[in-house]
Each structure stands twice: as structure tokens, then as C-alpha cells.
Protein backbone atom coordinates (compact mmCIF):
# COMPACT_ATOMS: atom_id res chain seq x y z
CA UNK A 1 15.39 0.87 14.31
CA UNK A 2 16.59 -2.64 13.62
CA UNK A 3 13.57 -4.37 15.14
CA UNK A 4 11.02 -2.38 13.15
CA UNK A 5 10.92 -4.98 10.31
CA UNK A 6 10.43 -7.68 12.95
CA UNK A 7 7.42 -5.81 14.34
CA UNK A 8 6.13 -5.43 10.81
CA UNK A 9 6.50 -9.17 10.23
CA UNK A 10 4.69 -9.95 13.46
CA UNK A 11 1.88 -7.68 12.29
CA UNK A 12 1.81 -9.39 8.90
CA UNK A 13 1.74 -12.85 10.46
CA UNK A 14 -1.09 -11.78 12.78
CA UNK A 15 -3.00 -10.29 9.84
CA UNK A 16 -2.43 -13.45 7.78
CA UNK A 17 -3.65 -15.63 10.65
CA UNK A 18 -6.82 -13.61 11.21
CA UNK A 19 -7.45 -13.23 7.48
CA UNK A 20 -6.93 -16.89 6.66
CA UNK A 21 -9.14 -18.06 9.51
CA UNK A 22 -11.84 -15.65 8.37
CA UNK A 23 -11.57 -16.92 4.79
CA UNK A 24 -11.68 -20.48 6.09
CA UNK A 25 -14.82 -19.62 8.03
CA UNK A 26 -16.35 -18.09 4.90
CA UNK A 27 -15.61 -21.33 3.05
CA UNK A 28 -13.27 -19.65 0.56
CA UNK A 29 -10.25 -21.65 1.71
CA UNK A 30 -9.68 -25.36 2.03
CA UNK A 31 -7.66 -26.78 4.93
CA UNK A 32 -4.72 -27.36 2.59
CA UNK A 33 -4.62 -23.74 1.46
CA UNK A 34 -4.96 -22.58 5.07
CA UNK A 35 -1.95 -24.71 5.98
CA UNK A 36 0.05 -23.29 3.07
CA UNK A 37 -0.75 -19.71 4.09
CA UNK A 38 0.19 -20.36 7.70
CA UNK A 39 3.52 -21.92 6.70
CA UNK A 40 4.31 -19.04 4.34
CA UNK A 41 3.48 -16.41 6.94
CA UNK A 42 5.63 -18.19 9.53
CA UNK A 43 8.57 -18.44 7.11
CA UNK A 44 8.44 -14.78 6.08
CA UNK A 45 10.37 -13.31 9.05
CA UNK A 46 13.14 -15.90 8.69
CA UNK A 47 13.49 -15.15 4.98
CA UNK A 48 13.77 -11.44 5.72
CA UNK A 49 16.37 -12.06 8.45
CA UNK A 50 18.36 -14.26 6.07
CA UNK A 51 18.38 -11.59 3.36
CA UNK A 52 19.22 -8.74 5.69
CA UNK A 53 22.14 -10.59 7.34
């Protein structure tokens, strides 16, 4: 199905959010790195859509 990659991306973004917050809580990530990860995970679906179009 066409929306399967979108579901995968949503799962990846959710995983990245949970993982990055956990790492932040553990003290392994600074706020700057957390922001970078969040931006990258949010951009990922758009990049995939752009390449698949």
C-alpha cells in the first residue's frame, strides 16, 4: 500500500521522540542535540515523499 511508508515514518518519528527524550533524561544528550534529532525526525517523511514523487 502507498501509505505504508508513511506509517513507518510515523513509527520512526515516535521512536525517535521517545528515544531522544529518554537519552535527554539519562543526561546523554544536550538540548541542542535533542533539537537536532527532533528536526531530523520531522523532516524524514517529507524527504521520503519528495524522493518517491
